Amino acid sequence: MRRASKTTARLLRRFWRGLREWCGDYAYESYLRSPRTQSGACATLTRQQFYVEQLDRRYSRPNRCC
């Protein structure tokens, strides 16, 4: 019984992490764990600055729909 609950909990954690990665909520945590930010090579952005940077990166390119 205990093993089944551990397996279920592990599955739920993986699912939750996958869902956060898919919707982009986990991006800031990944950014903080990246080697560039840990080495101090660049200034670490706050969560708000990171969000604005992601929006700029996403929408600064031309849209090729038409």
PDB file of N, CA and C in Angstrom:
ATOM      1  N   MET A   1       0.821  -1.196   0.000  1.00  0.00           N
ATOM      2  CA  MET A   1       0.000   0.000   0.000  1.00  0.00           C
ATOM      3  C   MET A   1       0.861   1.254   0.000  1.00  0.00           C
ATOM      4  N   ARG A   2       1.904   1.241   0.812  1.00  0.00           N
ATOM      5  CA  ARG A   2       2.783   2.417   0.887  1.00  0.00           C
ATOM      6  C   ARG A   2       3.503   2.646  -0.439  1.00  0.00           C
ATOM      7  N   ARG A   3       3.900   1.566  -1.091  1.00  0.00           N
ATOM      8  CA  ARG A   3       4.594   1.690  -2.376  1.00  0.00           C
ATOM      9  C   ARG A   3       3.679   2.295  -3.437  1.00  0.00           C
ATOM     10  N   ALA A   4       2.426   1.901  -3.414  1.00  0.00           N
ATOM     11  CA  ALA A   4       1.464   2.447  -4.384  1.00  0.00           C
ATOM     12  C   ALA A   4       1.266   3.944  -4.158  1.00  0.00           C
ATOM     13  N   SER A   5       1.216   4.361  -2.907  1.00  0.00           N
ATOM     14  CA  SER A   5       1.030   5.790  -2.642  1.00  0.00           C
ATOM     15  C   SER A   5       2.262   6.589  -3.055  1.00  0.00           C
ATOM     16  N   LYS A   6       3.454   6.018  -2.862  1.00  0.00           N
ATOM     17  CA  LYS A   6       4.681   6.700  -3.301  1.00  0.00           C
ATOM     18  C   LYS A   6       4.709   6.818  -4.817  1.00  0.00           C
ATOM     19  N   THR A   7       4.314   5.746  -5.498  1.00  0.00           N
ATOM     20  CA  THR A   7       4.291   5.762  -6.957  1.00  0.00           C
ATOM     21  C   THR A   7       3.274   6.778  -7.465  1.00  0.00           C
ATOM     22  N   THR A   8       2.120   6.832  -6.840  1.00  0.00           N
ATOM     23  CA  THR A   8       1.094   7.791  -7.229  1.00  0.00           C
ATOM     24  C   THR A   8       1.570   9.220  -7.002  1.00  0.00           C
ATOM     25  N   ALA A   9       2.196   9.448  -5.852  1.00  0.00           N
ATOM     26  CA  ALA A   9       2.704  10.801  -5.555  1.00  0.00           C
ATOM     27  C   ALA A   9       3.772  11.202  -6.560  1.00  0.00           C
ATOM     28  N   ARG A  10       4.654  10.290  -6.917  1.00  0.00           N
ATOM     29  CA  ARG A  10       5.700  10.570  -7.898  1.00  0.00           C
ATOM     30  C   ARG A  10       5.097  10.890  -9.259  1.00  0.00           C
ATOM     31  N   LEU A  11       4.084  10.129  -9.635  1.00  0.00           N
ATOM     32  CA  LEU A  11       3.410  10.365 -10.911  1.00  0.00           C
ATOM     33  C   LEU A  11       2.737  11.729 -10.933  1.00  0.00           C
ATOM     34  N   LEU A  12       2.080  12.085  -9.836  1.00  0.00           N
ATOM     35  CA  LEU A  12       1.421  13.382  -9.768  1.00  0.00           C
ATOM     36  C   LEU A  12       2.425  14.527  -9.819  1.00  0.00           C
ATOM     37  N   ARG A  13       3.587  14.388  -9.162  1.00  0.00           N
ATOM     38  CA  ARG A  13       4.622  15.425  -9.224  1.00  0.00           C
ATOM     39  C   ARG A  13       5.145  15.584 -10.640  1.00  0.00           C
ATOM     40  N   ARG A  14       5.383  14.472 -11.322  1.00  0.00           N
ATOM     41  CA  ARG A  14       5.858  14.549 -12.709  1.00  0.00           C
ATOM     42  C   ARG A  14       4.821  15.194 -13.619  1.00  0.00           C
ATOM     43  N   PHE A  15       3.563  14.816 -13.412  1.00  0.00           N
ATOM     44  CA  PHE A  15       2.496  15.408 -14.211  1.00  0.00           C
ATOM     45  C   PHE A  15       2.424  16.910 -13.966  1.00  0.00           C
ATOM     46  N   TRP A  16       2.472  17.331 -12.698  1.00  0.00           N
ATOM     47  CA  TRP A  16       2.381  18.748 -12.361  1.00  0.00           C
ATOM     48  C   TRP A  16       3.551  19.523 -12.960  1.00  0.00           C
ATOM     49  N   ARG A  17       4.760  18.956 -12.880  1.00  0.00           N
ATOM     50  CA  ARG A  17       5.927  19.627 -13.454  1.00  0.00           C
ATOM     51  C   ARG A  17       5.794  19.721 -14.975  1.00  0.00           C
ATOM     52  N   GLY A  18       5.339  18.648 -15.596  1.00  0.00           N
ATOM     53  CA  GLY A  18       5.137  18.673 -17.048  1.00  0.00           C
ATOM     54  C   GLY A  18       4.109  19.698 -17.468  1.00  0.00           C
ATOM     55  N   LEU A  19       3.049  19.813 -16.693  1.00  0.00           N
ATOM     56  CA  LEU A  19       2.026  20.805 -16.989  1.00  0.00           C
ATOM     57  C   LEU A  19       2.581  22.218 -16.837  1.00  0.00           C
ATOM     58  N   ARG A  20       3.377  22.460 -15.805  1.00  0.00           N
ATOM     59  CA  ARG A  20       3.978  23.777 -15.606  1.00  0.00           C
ATOM     60  C   ARG A  20       4.968  24.106 -16.722  1.00  0.00           C
ATOM     61  N   GLU A  21       5.727  23.099 -17.175  1.00  0.00           N
ATOM     62  CA  GLU A  21       6.655  23.327 -18.289  1.00  0.00           C
ATOM     63  C   GLU A  21       5.892  23.630 -19.567  1.00  0.00           C
ATOM     64  N   TRP A  22       4.821  22.917 -19.802  1.00  0.00           N
ATOM     65  CA  TRP A  22       4.045  23.103 -21.018  1.00  0.00           C
ATOM     66  C   TRP A  22       3.434  24.496 -21.088  1.00  0.00           C
ATOM     67  N   CYS A  23       2.899  24.996 -19.983  1.00  0.00           N
ATOM     68  CA  CYS A  23       2.239  26.300 -20.016  1.00  0.00           C
ATOM     69  C   CYS A  23       3.214  27.453 -19.802  1.00  0.00           C
ATOM     70  N   GLY A  24       4.490  27.171 -19.513  1.00  0.00           N
ATOM     71  CA  GLY A  24       5.490  28.222 -19.389  1.00  0.00           C
ATOM     72  C   GLY A  24       5.688  28.735 -17.983  1.00  0.00           C
ATOM     73  N   ASP A  25       5.002  28.171 -17.021  1.00  0.00           N
ATOM     74  CA  ASP A  25       5.105  28.629 -15.640  1.00  0.00           C
ATOM     75  C   ASP A  25       6.442  28.242 -15.011  1.00  0.00           C
ATOM     76  N   TYR A  26       7.081  27.209 -15.511  1.00  0.00           N
ATOM     77  CA  TYR A  26       8.328  26.705 -14.953  1.00  0.00           C
ATOM     78  C   TYR A  26       9.552  27.380 -15.575  1.00  0.00           C
ATOM     79  N   ALA A  27       9.361  28.258 -16.522  1.00  0.00           N
ATOM     80  CA  ALA A  27      10.471  28.858 -17.266  1.00  0.00           C
ATOM     81  C   ALA A  27      11.395  29.670 -16.367  1.00  0.00           C
ATOM     82  N   TYR A  28      10.848  30.388 -15.411  1.00  0.00           N
ATOM     83  CA  TYR A  28      11.689  31.219 -14.545  1.00  0.00           C
ATOM     84  C   TYR A  28      12.570  30.352 -13.647  1.00  0.00           C
ATOM     85  N   GLU A  29      12.032  29.267 -13.114  1.00  0.00           N
ATOM     86  CA  GLU A  29      12.842  28.368 -12.303  1.00  0.00           C
ATOM     87  C   GLU A  29      13.960  27.735 -13.129  1.00  0.00           C
ATOM     88  N   SER A  30      13.657  27.392 -14.372  1.00  0.00           N
ATOM     89  CA  SER A  30      14.689  26.852 -15.266  1.00  0.00           C
ATOM     90  C   SER A  30      15.764  27.896 -15.548  1.00  0.00           C
ATOM     91  N   TYR A  31      15.333  29.133 -15.722  1.00  0.00           N
ATOM     92  CA  TYR A  31      16.274  30.231 -15.954  1.00  0.00           C
ATOM     93  C   TYR A  31      17.215  30.393 -14.758  1.00  0.00           C
ATOM     94  N   LEU A  32      16.664  30.316 -13.555  1.00  0.00           N
ATOM     95  CA  LEU A  32      17.504  30.467 -12.367  1.00  0.00           C
ATOM     96  C   LEU A  32      18.497  29.325 -12.203  1.00  0.00           C
ATOM     97  N   ARG A  33      18.153  28.141 -12.702  1.00  0.00           N
ATOM     98  CA  ARG A  33      19.044  26.983 -12.601  1.00  0.00           C
ATOM     99  C   ARG A  33      20.049  26.894 -13.747  1.00  0.00           C
ATOM    100  N   SER A  34      19.939  27.768 -14.740  1.00  0.00           N
ATOM    101  CA  SER A  34      20.826  27.695 -15.889  1.00  0.00           C
ATOM    102  C   SER A  34      22.255  28.046 -15.481  1.00  0.00           C
ATOM    103  N   PRO A  35      23.232  27.473 -16.156  1.00  0.00           N
ATOM    104  CA  PRO A  35      24.634  27.723 -15.799  1.00  0.00           C
ATOM    105  C   PRO A  35      25.046  29.185 -15.927  1.00  0.00           C
ATOM    106  N   ARG A  36      24.466  29.916 -16.864  1.00  0.00           N
ATOM    107  CA  ARG A  36      24.857  31.323 -17.033  1.00  0.00           C
ATOM    108  C   ARG A  36      24.479  32.156 -15.815  1.00  0.00           C
ATOM    109  N   THR A  37      23.308  31.916 -15.243  1.00  0.00           N
ATOM    110  CA  THR A  37      22.901  32.709 -14.088  1.00  0.00           C
ATOM    111  C   THR A  37      23.623  32.257 -12.828  1.00  0.00           C
ATOM    112  N   GLN A  38      23.959  30.985 -12.720  1.00  0.00           N
ATOM    113  CA  GLN A  38      24.646  30.497 -11.531  1.00  0.00           C
ATOM    114  C   GLN A  38      26.106  30.915 -11.500  1.00  0.00           C
ATOM    115  N   SER A  39      26.711  31.085 -12.661  1.00  0.00           N
ATOM    116  CA  SER A  39      28.119  31.480 -12.703  1.00  0.00           C
ATOM    117  C   SER A  39      28.302  32.976 -12.480  1.00  0.00           C
ATOM    118  N   GLY A  40      27.220  33.729 -12.564  1.00  0.00           N
ATOM    119  CA  GLY A  40      27.308  35.172 -12.384  1.00  0.00           C
ATOM    120  C   GLY A  40      27.754  35.892 -13.638  1.00  0.00           C
ATOM    121  N   ALA A  41      27.693  35.225 -14.800  1.00  0.00           N
ATOM    122  CA  ALA A  41      28.130  35.830 -16.061  1.00  0.00           C
ATOM    123  C   ALA A  41      27.208  36.977 -16.479  1.00  0.00           C
ATOM    124  N   CYS A  42      25.956  36.902 -16.079  1.00  0.00           N
ATOM    125  CA  CYS A  42      25.027  37.978 -16.396  1.00  0.00           C
ATOM    126  C   CYS A  42      24.196  38.295 -15.160  1.00  0.00           C
ATOM    127  N   ALA A  43      23.614  39.460 -15.142  1.00  0.00           N
ATOM    128  CA  ALA A  43      22.787  39.861 -14.012  1.00  0.00           C
ATOM    129  C   ALA A  43      21.498  39.035 -14.002  1.00  0.00           C
ATOM    130  N   THR A  44      21.119  38.557 -12.847  1.00  0.00           N
ATOM    131  CA  THR A  44      19.904  37.756 -12.717  1.00  0.00           C
ATOM    132  C   THR A  44      18.688  38.664 -12.764  1.00  0.00           C
ATOM    133  N   LEU A  45      17.746  38.311 -13.613  1.00  0.00           N
ATOM    134  CA  LEU A  45      16.521  39.085 -13.764  1.00  0.00           C
ATOM    135  C   LEU A  45      15.519  38.715 -12.677  1.00  0.00           C
ATOM    136  N   THR A  46      14.702  39.674 -12.301  1.00  0.00           N
ATOM    137  CA  THR A  46      13.598  39.363 -11.400  1.00  0.00           C
ATOM    138  C   THR A  46      12.523  38.635 -12.194  1.00  0.00           C
ATOM    139  N   ARG A  47      11.535  38.101 -11.491  1.00  0.00           N
ATOM    140  CA  ARG A  47      10.462  37.378 -12.173  1.00  0.00           C
ATOM    141  C   ARG A  47       9.725  38.290 -13.153  1.00  0.00           C
ATOM    142  N   GLN A  48       9.492  39.543 -12.781  1.00  0.00           N
ATOM    143  CA  GLN A  48       8.796  40.488 -13.658  1.00  0.00           C
ATOM    144  C   GLN A  48       9.650  40.834 -14.875  1.00  0.00           C
ATOM    145  N   GLN A  49      10.934  41.076 -14.673  1.00  0.00           N
ATOM    146  CA  GLN A  49      11.829  41.379 -15.790  1.00  0.00           C
ATOM    147  C   GLN A  49      11.921  40.193 -16.747  1.00  0.00           C
ATOM    148  N   PHE A  50      11.982  38.995 -16.189  1.00  0.00           N
ATOM    149  CA  PHE A  50      12.043  37.791 -17.013  1.00  0.00           C
ATOM    150  C   PHE A  50      10.784  37.662 -17.861  1.00  0.00           C
ATOM    151  N   TYR A  51       9.627  37.937 -17.277  1.00  0.00           N
ATOM    152  CA  TYR A  51       8.361  37.853 -17.998  1.00  0.00           C
ATOM    153  C   TYR A  51       8.327  38.841 -19.164  1.00  0.00           C
ATOM    154  N   VAL A  52       8.751  40.074 -18.919  1.00  0.00           N
ATOM    155  CA  VAL A  52       8.768  41.094 -19.975  1.00  0.00           C
ATOM    156  C   VAL A  52       9.764  40.698 -21.066  1.00  0.00           C
ATOM    157  N   GLU A  53      10.909  40.169 -20.676  1.00  0.00           N
ATOM    158  CA  GLU A  53      11.915  39.717 -21.649  1.00  0.00           C
ATOM    159  C   GLU A  53      11.360  38.602 -22.528  1.00  0.00           C
ATOM    160  N   GLN A  54      10.642  37.658 -21.937  1.00  0.00           N
ATOM    161  CA  GLN A  54      10.037  36.575 -22.710  1.00  0.00           C
ATOM    162  C   GLN A  54       8.999  37.113 -23.691  1.00  0.00           C
ATOM    163  N   LEU A  55       8.187  38.068 -23.247  1.00  0.00           N
ATOM    164  CA  LEU A  55       7.202  38.662 -24.148  1.00  0.00           C
ATOM    165  C   LEU A  55       7.876  39.401 -25.296  1.00  0.00           C
ATOM    166  N   ASP A  56       8.916  40.159 -24.987  1.00  0.00           N
ATOM    167  CA  ASP A  56       9.651  40.867 -26.044  1.00  0.00           C
ATOM    168  C   ASP A  56      10.251  39.884 -27.041  1.00  0.00           C
ATOM    169  N   ARG A  57      10.831  38.819 -26.549  1.00  0.00           N
ATOM    170  CA  ARG A  57      11.436  37.819 -27.425  1.00  0.00           C
ATOM    171  C   ARG A  57      10.383  37.157 -28.302  1.00  0.00           C
ATOM    172  N   ARG A  58       9.221  36.886 -27.747  1.00  0.00           N
ATOM    173  CA  ARG A  58       8.176  36.188 -28.492  1.00  0.00           C
ATOM    174  C   ARG A  58       7.542  37.070 -29.567  1.00  0.00           C
ATOM    175  N   TYR A  59       7.320  38.340 -29.249  1.00  0.00           N
ATOM    176  CA  TYR A  59       6.554  39.188 -30.157  1.00  0.00           C
ATOM    177  C   TYR A  59       7.379  40.204 -30.929  1.00  0.00           C
ATOM    178  N   SER A  60       8.688  40.184 -30.802  1.00  0.00           N
ATOM    179  CA  SER A  60       9.506  41.143 -31.542  1.00  0.00           C
ATOM    180  C   SER A  60       9.768  40.684 -32.981  1.00  0.00           C
ATOM    181  N   ARG A  61       9.595  39.414 -33.264  1.00  0.00           N
ATOM    182  CA  ARG A  61       9.801  38.904 -34.623  1.00  0.00           C
ATOM    183  C   ARG A  61       8.566  39.141 -35.476  1.00  0.00           C
ATOM    184  N   PRO A  62       8.748  39.269 -36.763  1.00  0.00           N
ATOM    185  CA  PRO A  62       7.583  39.464 -37.632  1.00  0.00           C
ATOM    186  C   PRO A  62       6.698  38.232 -37.668  1.00  0.00           C
ATOM    187  N   ASN A  63       5.406  38.472 -37.762  1.00  0.00           N
ATOM    188  CA  ASN A  63       4.440  37.386 -37.844  1.00  0.00           C
ATOM    189  C   ASN A  63       4.267  37.006 -39.304  1.00  0.00           C
ATOM    190  N   ARG A  64       4.417  35.750 -39.643  1.00  0.00           N
ATOM    191  CA  ARG A  64       4.379  35.285 -41.031  1.00  0.00           C
ATOM    192  C   ARG A  64       3.041  34.625 -41.382  1.00  0.00           C
ATOM    193  N   CYS A  65       1.960  35.059 -40.774  1.00  0.00           N
ATOM    194  CA  CYS A  65       0.682  34.375 -41.022  1.00  0.00           C
ATOM    195  C   CYS A  65       0.123  34.689 -42.412  1.00  0.00           C
ATOM    196  N   CYS A  66       0.373  35.865 -42.956  1.00  0.00           N
ATOM    197  CA  CYS A  66      -0.261  36.256 -44.227  1.00  0.00           C
ATOM    198  C   CYS A  66       0.743  36.559 -45.314  1.00  0.00           C
TER     199      CYS A  66
END
